[in-house]
Amino acid sequence: MHFPYEEDEAGIIRGRHRTSDASEYLLAEREIVSLAKDVLSEREYLEAEEVAKQLAGKKSEKDLARARLVSLVKPPPKRPIYYAQYEMLFLPRWTRDALRYLGDFIDMLVKSAVYEKTSDRRVFGSSLGPAINLFQRYWPGYESLVDLLQRYNRFLYRGAKHDFTLPANRKAHRFTAREVVLTAFITMTLADRLSTVSRMAKEARNDKMILR
């Protein structure tokens, strides 16, 4: 699978835009690992960790890992999933945009679910945190899902959008390839759950116009 330069040192363009170091590829904040274990089945979690390890391996292993992520993160909907899928091709070096687009997907589904109950379009202009609070209010009985969404927002989406500080154990990178891989698996599983709960979330996921 092609991605711009450097891996075979053809042109070495990627070196000018390096945003990660190989020594950091497999680091992950404990909150993200904990979230992955709580969201994913054991099989899914082990697969995600294996994909992350492949991204730190030889070129052929990286290609296999990217191919798996592209097959996991795929449209519909075209936006923002198409953009998130594209970012998978730039792992393990570039990470922040992948997390933002994955988070945008969850943001869209949560707000669609809220809109189903309220018919209030203002929810689409809110941040994810307040939208999750509204989801909790209008979809009672899904406390476990709400907790996972709140943790997703706190440790992943909010950080990808607003936090440019580096964790104490990192020298060059706010998010790592391993964290992106775990987030990709988490995101698609949470999307499945939201689509099961809400008709409008399901329609948004399938790129259908939301109608009352």
Protein backbone atom coordinates (compact mmCIF):
# COMPACT_ATOMS: atom_id res chain seq x y z
CA MET A 1 0.00 0.00 0.00
CA HIS A 2 1.47 3.34 -1.02
CA PHE A 3 2.10 6.28 1.25
CA PRO A 4 4.45 9.21 0.64
CA TYR A 5 8.13 8.36 0.67
CA GLU A 6 10.74 7.72 3.29
CA GLU A 7 9.95 4.12 4.18
CA ASP A 8 12.07 3.04 1.22
CA GLU A 9 13.88 6.39 1.32
CA ALA A 10 12.54 7.45 -2.08
CA GLY A 11 12.73 11.22 -1.89
CA ILE A 12 12.77 11.23 1.93
CA ILE A 13 9.97 13.84 1.93
CA ARG A 14 8.31 12.40 5.00
CA GLY A 15 11.30 13.28 7.17
CA ARG A 16 10.49 16.97 6.99
CA HIS A 17 7.07 16.38 8.52
CA ARG A 18 7.93 13.76 11.11
CA THR A 19 5.50 13.82 14.01
CA SER A 20 6.47 10.61 15.76
CA ASP A 21 9.50 8.60 16.71
CA ALA A 22 9.75 4.83 16.37
CA SER A 23 10.46 4.48 20.08
CA GLU A 24 7.01 5.92 20.82
CA TYR A 25 4.89 3.89 18.38
CA LEU A 26 3.71 1.37 20.97
CA LEU A 27 3.15 3.70 23.90
CA ALA A 28 -0.41 4.27 25.08
CA GLU A 29 -1.96 6.15 27.96
CA ARG A 30 -3.48 3.78 30.50
CA GLU A 31 -6.91 5.44 30.21
CA ILE A 32 -7.03 4.62 26.49
CA VAL A 33 -5.99 1.02 27.04
CA SER A 34 -8.59 0.71 29.79
CA LEU A 35 -11.28 2.13 27.51
CA ALA A 36 -10.32 -0.31 24.75
CA LYS A 37 -10.59 -3.26 27.13
CA ASP A 38 -14.01 -2.08 28.32
CA VAL A 39 -15.40 -1.45 24.82
CA LEU A 40 -13.93 -4.33 22.84
CA SER A 41 -14.30 -8.06 23.12
CA GLU A 42 -11.16 -9.93 24.08
CA ARG A 43 -10.72 -11.04 20.46
CA GLU A 44 -11.09 -7.50 19.14
CA TYR A 45 -8.70 -6.10 21.72
CA LEU A 46 -6.02 -8.68 20.93
CA GLU A 47 -6.43 -8.01 17.21
CA ALA A 48 -6.06 -4.27 17.77
CA GLU A 49 -2.86 -4.79 19.75
CA GLU A 50 -1.50 -7.06 17.03
CA VAL A 51 -2.21 -4.43 14.36
CA ALA A 52 -0.40 -1.84 16.49
CA LYS A 53 2.63 -4.12 16.76
CA GLN A 54 2.63 -4.63 13.00
CA LEU A 55 2.84 -0.87 12.52
CA ALA A 56 6.11 -0.94 14.45
CA GLY A 57 7.48 -3.81 12.36
CA LYS A 58 8.89 -4.27 8.89
CA LYS A 59 7.43 -2.55 5.83
CA SER A 60 5.43 -5.64 4.84
CA GLU A 61 3.93 -5.77 8.34
CA LYS A 62 3.08 -2.07 8.21
CA ASP A 63 1.33 -2.59 4.90
CA LEU A 64 -0.77 -5.41 6.38
CA ALA A 65 -1.67 -3.26 9.36
CA ARG A 66 -2.72 -0.32 7.20
CA ALA A 67 -4.79 -2.61 4.98
CA ARG A 68 -6.60 -3.98 8.04
CA LEU A 69 -7.33 -0.48 9.34
CA VAL A 70 -8.59 0.67 5.94
CA SER A 71 -10.98 -2.28 5.86
CA LEU A 72 -12.13 -1.52 9.42
CA VAL A 73 -12.58 2.23 8.99
CA LYS A 74 -14.59 2.48 5.81
CA PRO A 75 -17.60 4.44 4.53
CA PRO A 76 -20.46 4.94 4.84
CA PRO A 77 -20.68 7.68 5.81
CA LYS A 78 -18.34 9.31 3.34
CA ARG A 79 -17.68 12.20 5.70
CA PRO A 80 -15.89 12.02 8.05
CA ILE A 81 -15.08 8.32 7.75
CA TYR A 82 -13.51 8.63 4.30
CA TYR A 83 -11.07 11.16 5.77
CA ALA A 84 -10.34 8.96 8.78
CA GLN A 85 -9.75 6.00 6.47
CA TYR A 86 -7.31 8.06 4.40
CA GLU A 87 -5.34 8.99 7.52
CA MET A 88 -4.75 5.30 8.24
CA LEU A 89 -2.35 5.29 5.28
CA PHE A 90 0.01 7.66 7.10
CA LEU A 91 0.48 5.57 10.22
CA PRO A 92 2.59 5.17 12.22
CA ARG A 93 3.91 8.70 11.70
CA TRP A 94 0.84 10.96 11.56
CA THR A 95 -1.83 10.46 14.18
CA ARG A 96 -3.76 13.52 15.35
CA ASP A 97 -5.98 13.99 12.28
CA ALA A 98 -6.98 10.33 12.34
CA LEU A 99 -8.19 10.72 15.91
CA ARG A 100 -10.07 13.90 15.11
CA TYR A 101 -11.94 12.38 12.18
CA LEU A 102 -12.79 9.25 14.17
CA GLY A 103 -14.08 11.48 16.94
CA ASP A 104 -16.09 13.53 14.47
CA PHE A 105 -17.86 10.31 13.49
CA ILE A 106 -18.92 9.56 17.07
CA ASP A 107 -19.86 13.21 17.52
CA MET A 108 -22.18 12.99 14.51
CA LEU A 109 -23.90 9.83 15.73
CA VAL A 110 -24.45 11.07 19.28
CA LYS A 111 -25.98 14.31 18.01
CA SER A 112 -28.19 12.45 15.55
CA ALA A 113 -29.50 10.33 18.41
CA VAL A 114 -30.25 13.44 20.47
CA TYR A 115 -31.97 15.10 17.52
CA GLU A 116 -34.20 12.04 17.14
CA LYS A 117 -35.61 12.73 20.61
CA THR A 118 -35.63 16.55 20.61
CA SER A 119 -36.00 17.78 17.00
CA ASP A 120 -33.69 20.61 18.13
CA ARG A 121 -31.05 21.30 15.48
CA ARG A 122 -29.02 23.37 17.93
CA VAL A 123 -27.46 20.15 19.18
CA PHE A 124 -25.42 19.98 15.97
CA GLY A 125 -23.67 23.19 16.97
CA SER A 126 -22.69 21.98 20.43
CA SER A 127 -19.54 20.23 21.58
CA LEU A 128 -19.55 16.48 22.09
CA GLY A 129 -19.51 16.71 25.88
CA PRO A 130 -22.83 18.59 26.16
CA ALA A 131 -24.29 16.35 23.44
CA ILE A 132 -23.43 13.26 25.50
CA ASN A 133 -25.16 14.86 28.49
CA LEU A 134 -28.27 15.35 26.35
CA PHE A 135 -28.02 11.77 25.12
CA GLN A 136 -27.95 10.63 28.75
CA ARG A 137 -31.04 12.74 29.48
CA TYR A 138 -33.14 11.69 26.50
CA TRP A 139 -31.98 8.08 26.22
CA PRO A 140 -32.26 6.81 29.81
CA GLY A 141 -31.19 3.27 30.52
CA TYR A 142 -27.90 3.44 28.59
CA GLU A 143 -25.61 4.45 31.45
CA SER A 144 -22.86 2.05 30.44
CA LEU A 145 -22.78 3.48 26.91
CA VAL A 146 -22.83 7.04 28.29
CA ASP A 147 -19.83 6.26 30.51
CA LEU A 148 -17.87 4.91 27.54
CA LEU A 149 -18.76 7.96 25.42
CA GLN A 150 -17.71 10.34 28.18
CA ARG A 151 -14.36 8.59 28.53
CA TYR A 152 -13.95 8.59 24.75
CA ASN A 153 -14.49 12.34 24.69
CA ARG A 154 -12.27 13.03 27.71
CA PHE A 155 -9.26 10.95 26.74
CA LEU A 156 -9.41 10.97 22.93
CA TYR A 157 -11.57 13.43 21.06
CA ARG A 158 -11.11 16.47 23.28
CA GLY A 159 -7.36 15.90 23.39
CA ALA A 160 -7.08 15.46 19.62
CA LYS A 161 -8.86 18.78 19.07
CA HIS A 162 -7.44 20.94 21.84
CA ASP A 163 -4.47 19.43 23.68
CA PHE A 164 -1.06 20.12 22.19
CA THR A 165 0.99 19.30 25.30
CA LEU A 166 3.10 16.17 25.37
CA PRO A 167 2.65 13.43 27.97
CA ALA A 168 5.53 13.20 30.40
CA ASN A 169 7.04 10.10 28.78
CA ARG A 170 7.03 11.45 25.21
CA LYS A 171 9.43 13.74 23.41
CA ALA A 172 7.76 14.37 20.06
CA HIS A 173 4.24 13.05 19.91
CA ARG A 174 0.91 13.72 21.62
CA PHE A 175 -0.72 10.54 20.28
CA THR A 176 0.90 7.32 19.15
CA ALA A 177 0.16 4.80 16.44
CA ARG A 178 -1.00 2.29 19.06
CA GLU A 179 -3.48 4.83 20.42
CA VAL A 180 -4.85 5.46 16.93
CA VAL A 181 -5.30 1.75 16.31
CA LEU A 182 -7.09 1.22 19.62
CA THR A 183 -9.25 4.27 18.89
CA ALA A 184 -10.19 2.97 15.44
CA PHE A 185 -11.45 -0.30 16.92
CA ILE A 186 -13.19 1.53 19.79
CA THR A 187 -14.84 4.01 17.42
CA MET A 188 -16.34 1.43 15.10
CA THR A 189 -17.67 -0.61 18.03
CA LEU A 190 -19.25 2.44 19.68
CA ALA A 191 -20.74 3.37 16.30
CA ASP A 192 -22.36 -0.06 16.14
CA ARG A 193 -23.89 0.45 19.57
CA LEU A 194 -25.19 3.93 18.81
CA SER A 195 -26.66 2.72 15.53
CA THR A 196 -28.47 -0.05 17.37
CA VAL A 197 -29.92 2.38 19.92
CA SER A 198 -31.01 5.20 17.60
CA ARG A 199 -32.75 5.07 14.24
CA MET A 200 -31.37 8.46 13.25
CA ALA A 201 -27.85 7.54 14.28
CA LYS A 202 -28.19 4.50 12.03
CA GLU A 203 -29.45 6.68 9.16
CA ALA A 204 -26.57 9.12 9.63
CA ARG A 205 -24.12 6.25 9.63
CA ASN A 206 -25.56 4.98 6.35
CA ASP A 207 -25.29 8.44 4.77
CA LYS A 208 -29.06 8.87 4.64
CA MET A 209 -30.73 12.21 5.11
CA ILE A 210 -32.19 12.56 8.59
CA LEU A 211 -35.95 13.06 8.30
CA ARG A 212 -38.61 13.52 10.95
